[in-house]
């Protein structure tokens, strides 16, 4: 999947900023996100950003991290 800055919603970019700030955890089984300790209500954002190669789990379930592509998208925005 090829995601460009224009294809990302404001919500997607907000999630990327939250991941960059260390405020997100991600499940490796469903790619569900937890932001600031609360389940993220948009169940499709985590899998979509993971599939696009913008975020990933560090190791197993735990803190989400930006991939190099995720960093590039944030810098370009």
N, C-alpha and C. Protein backbone atom coordinates (compact mmCIF):
# COMPACT_ATOMS: atom_id res chain seq x y z
N UNK A 1 0.85 -1.18 0.00
CA UNK A 1 0.00 0.00 0.00
C UNK A 1 0.89 1.23 0.00
N UNK A 2 0.61 2.17 -0.86
CA UNK A 2 1.40 3.38 -0.95
C UNK A 2 0.56 4.54 -0.42
N UNK A 3 0.97 5.10 0.72
CA UNK A 3 0.22 6.19 1.33
C UNK A 3 1.02 7.47 1.20
N UNK A 4 0.37 8.52 0.75
CA UNK A 4 1.03 9.82 0.64
C UNK A 4 0.44 10.76 1.67
N UNK A 5 1.09 11.88 1.87
CA UNK A 5 0.61 12.87 2.82
C UNK A 5 -0.82 13.29 2.50
N UNK A 6 -1.13 13.48 1.23
CA UNK A 6 -2.46 13.92 0.84
C UNK A 6 -3.52 12.87 1.16
N UNK A 7 -3.17 11.60 1.17
CA UNK A 7 -4.13 10.54 1.42
C UNK A 7 -4.41 10.35 2.90
N UNK A 8 -3.61 10.93 3.77
CA UNK A 8 -3.80 10.78 5.21
C UNK A 8 -4.81 11.81 5.71
N UNK A 9 -5.70 11.35 6.58
CA UNK A 9 -6.67 12.27 7.18
C UNK A 9 -6.00 13.04 8.33
N UNK A 10 -6.70 14.04 8.81
CA UNK A 10 -6.21 14.77 9.99
C UNK A 10 -6.07 13.81 11.16
N UNK A 11 -7.00 12.87 11.28
CA UNK A 11 -6.95 11.89 12.37
C UNK A 11 -5.70 11.02 12.23
N UNK A 12 -5.41 10.58 11.01
CA UNK A 12 -4.20 9.76 10.80
C UNK A 12 -2.95 10.52 11.23
N UNK A 13 -2.86 11.78 10.83
CA UNK A 13 -1.68 12.58 11.20
C UNK A 13 -1.63 12.81 12.71
N UNK A 14 -2.79 12.98 13.36
CA UNK A 14 -2.82 13.14 14.82
C UNK A 14 -2.33 11.88 15.50
N UNK A 15 -2.70 10.72 14.97
CA UNK A 15 -2.22 9.45 15.54
C UNK A 15 -0.72 9.33 15.35
N UNK A 16 -0.22 9.70 14.19
CA UNK A 16 1.23 9.66 13.96
C UNK A 16 1.96 10.57 14.95
N UNK A 17 1.40 11.75 15.22
CA UNK A 17 2.02 12.65 16.20
C UNK A 17 1.99 12.04 17.60
N UNK A 18 0.88 11.37 17.95
CA UNK A 18 0.77 10.72 19.26
C UNK A 18 1.78 9.58 19.38
N UNK A 19 1.96 8.82 18.31
CA UNK A 19 2.96 7.75 18.31
C UNK A 19 4.35 8.35 18.50
N UNK A 20 4.64 9.42 17.77
CA UNK A 20 5.95 10.06 17.87
C UNK A 20 6.21 10.58 19.28
N UNK A 21 5.14 10.98 19.98
CA UNK A 21 5.28 11.50 21.34
C UNK A 21 5.31 10.39 22.39
N UNK A 22 5.20 9.12 21.94
CA UNK A 22 5.26 8.00 22.87
C UNK A 22 3.97 7.78 23.64
N UNK A 23 2.85 8.23 23.09
CA UNK A 23 1.56 8.14 23.78
C UNK A 23 0.70 6.96 23.33
N UNK A 24 1.21 6.11 22.43
CA UNK A 24 0.40 5.02 21.88
C UNK A 24 1.02 3.66 22.15
N UNK A 25 0.13 2.70 22.37
CA UNK A 25 0.51 1.29 22.40
C UNK A 25 -0.25 0.61 21.29
N UNK A 26 0.29 -0.52 20.82
CA UNK A 26 -0.33 -1.23 19.71
C UNK A 26 -0.30 -2.73 20.00
N UNK A 27 -1.36 -3.40 19.60
CA UNK A 27 -1.45 -4.85 19.70
C UNK A 27 -0.90 -5.46 18.43
N UNK A 28 -0.08 -6.48 18.55
CA UNK A 28 0.46 -7.10 17.34
C UNK A 28 -0.53 -8.05 16.69
N UNK A 29 -1.55 -8.48 17.40
CA UNK A 29 -2.52 -9.40 16.80
C UNK A 29 -3.56 -8.68 15.97
N UNK A 30 -4.05 -7.54 16.44
CA UNK A 30 -5.10 -6.83 15.70
C UNK A 30 -4.68 -5.44 15.27
N UNK A 31 -3.49 -5.00 15.68
CA UNK A 31 -3.00 -3.64 15.43
C UNK A 31 -3.91 -2.58 16.03
N UNK A 32 -4.68 -2.96 17.06
CA UNK A 32 -5.52 -2.01 17.77
C UNK A 32 -4.64 -1.04 18.55
N UNK A 33 -5.08 0.21 18.60
CA UNK A 33 -4.30 1.24 19.28
C UNK A 33 -4.92 1.62 20.62
N UNK A 34 -4.05 1.95 21.57
CA UNK A 34 -4.44 2.53 22.84
C UNK A 34 -3.68 3.85 22.91
N UNK A 35 -4.41 4.96 23.08
CA UNK A 35 -3.80 6.29 23.14
C UNK A 35 -4.06 6.87 24.52
N UNK A 36 -3.01 7.27 25.18
CA UNK A 36 -3.10 7.83 26.53
C UNK A 36 -3.85 6.89 27.47
N UNK A 37 -3.66 5.58 27.29
CA UNK A 37 -4.27 4.59 28.17
C UNK A 37 -5.70 4.25 27.84
N UNK A 38 -6.27 4.85 26.80
CA UNK A 38 -7.65 4.58 26.41
C UNK A 38 -7.70 3.94 25.04
N UNK A 39 -8.59 2.96 24.84
CA UNK A 39 -8.72 2.35 23.51
C UNK A 39 -9.11 3.41 22.47
N UNK A 40 -8.45 3.39 21.35
CA UNK A 40 -8.75 4.33 20.27
C UNK A 40 -10.01 3.86 19.57
N UNK A 41 -11.00 4.74 19.46
CA UNK A 41 -12.32 4.33 18.98
C UNK A 41 -12.36 3.99 17.49
N UNK A 42 -11.44 4.51 16.71
CA UNK A 42 -11.41 4.18 15.28
C UNK A 42 -10.60 2.90 15.10
N UNK A 43 -11.29 1.78 15.02
CA UNK A 43 -10.63 0.48 14.98
C UNK A 43 -9.85 0.23 13.69
N UNK A 44 -10.04 1.05 12.69
CA UNK A 44 -9.39 0.82 11.41
C UNK A 44 -8.09 1.61 11.23
N UNK A 45 -7.87 2.62 12.06
CA UNK A 45 -6.68 3.46 11.90
C UNK A 45 -5.39 2.70 12.15
N UNK A 46 -5.32 1.96 13.24
CA UNK A 46 -4.10 1.20 13.55
C UNK A 46 -3.71 0.23 12.44
N UNK A 47 -4.65 -0.63 12.01
CA UNK A 47 -4.29 -1.55 10.92
C UNK A 47 -3.93 -0.82 9.62
N UNK A 48 -4.63 0.28 9.32
CA UNK A 48 -4.35 1.01 8.08
C UNK A 48 -2.95 1.63 8.11
N UNK A 49 -2.58 2.25 9.23
CA UNK A 49 -1.25 2.87 9.32
C UNK A 49 -0.14 1.81 9.39
N UNK A 50 -0.46 0.67 10.00
CA UNK A 50 0.52 -0.43 10.04
C UNK A 50 0.71 -1.01 8.64
N UNK A 51 -0.39 -1.25 7.94
CA UNK A 51 -0.32 -1.80 6.58
C UNK A 51 0.40 -0.85 5.63
N UNK A 52 0.24 0.45 5.87
CA UNK A 52 0.92 1.46 5.04
C UNK A 52 2.40 1.57 5.39
N UNK A 53 2.83 0.89 6.47
CA UNK A 53 4.23 0.92 6.85
C UNK A 53 4.63 2.18 7.60
N UNK A 54 3.67 2.85 8.24
CA UNK A 54 3.97 4.10 8.94
C UNK A 54 4.19 3.91 10.43
N UNK A 55 3.57 2.87 11.02
CA UNK A 55 3.77 2.57 12.44
C UNK A 55 4.00 1.06 12.59
N UNK A 56 4.60 0.69 13.72
CA UNK A 56 4.85 -0.72 14.01
C UNK A 56 4.97 -0.88 15.52
N UNK A 57 4.80 -2.12 15.97
CA UNK A 57 5.02 -2.43 17.38
C UNK A 57 6.52 -2.61 17.58
N UNK A 58 7.02 -2.20 18.72
CA UNK A 58 8.43 -2.37 19.02
C UNK A 58 8.77 -3.84 19.13
N UNK A 59 8.07 -4.56 19.99
CA UNK A 59 8.29 -5.99 20.15
C UNK A 59 7.05 -6.55 20.83
N UNK A 60 6.30 -7.38 20.13
CA UNK A 60 5.05 -7.87 20.70
C UNK A 60 4.10 -6.71 20.93
N UNK A 61 3.13 -6.91 21.79
CA UNK A 61 2.22 -5.82 22.14
C UNK A 61 2.97 -4.84 23.02
N UNK A 62 2.82 -3.59 22.76
CA UNK A 62 3.51 -2.59 23.56
C UNK A 62 3.56 -1.27 22.84
N UNK A 63 4.55 -0.46 23.15
CA UNK A 63 4.63 0.87 22.55
C UNK A 63 4.68 0.81 21.03
N UNK A 64 3.91 1.68 20.41
CA UNK A 64 3.97 1.81 18.96
C UNK A 64 5.16 2.71 18.63
N UNK A 65 5.71 2.54 17.45
CA UNK A 65 6.81 3.41 17.02
C UNK A 65 6.58 3.80 15.57
N UNK A 66 7.11 4.94 15.23
CA UNK A 66 7.06 5.37 13.83
C UNK A 66 8.14 4.65 13.06
N UNK A 67 7.83 4.26 11.86
CA UNK A 67 8.83 3.71 10.96
C UNK A 67 9.53 4.90 10.28
N UNK A 68 10.60 4.66 9.56
CA UNK A 68 11.22 5.76 8.81
C UNK A 68 10.22 6.46 7.87
N UNK A 69 9.31 5.70 7.26
CA UNK A 69 8.29 6.31 6.40
C UNK A 69 7.36 7.19 7.21
N UNK A 70 7.00 6.75 8.41
CA UNK A 70 6.14 7.54 9.29
C UNK A 70 6.80 8.85 9.66
N UNK A 71 8.10 8.80 9.99
CA UNK A 71 8.85 10.01 10.30
C UNK A 71 8.86 10.95 9.11
N UNK A 72 9.07 10.40 7.92
CA UNK A 72 9.12 11.24 6.70
C UNK A 72 7.77 11.92 6.45
N UNK A 73 6.68 11.20 6.66
CA UNK A 73 5.34 11.78 6.47
C UNK A 73 5.14 12.94 7.43
N UNK A 74 5.51 12.76 8.70
CA UNK A 74 5.33 13.83 9.68
C UNK A 74 6.19 15.05 9.34
N UNK A 75 7.41 14.80 8.91
CA UNK A 75 8.29 15.91 8.56
C UNK A 75 7.77 16.68 7.35
N UNK A 76 7.11 15.97 6.43
CA UNK A 76 6.60 16.60 5.21
C UNK A 76 5.30 17.37 5.47
N UNK A 77 4.61 17.04 6.55
CA UNK A 77 3.31 17.68 6.82
C UNK A 77 3.45 19.08 7.37
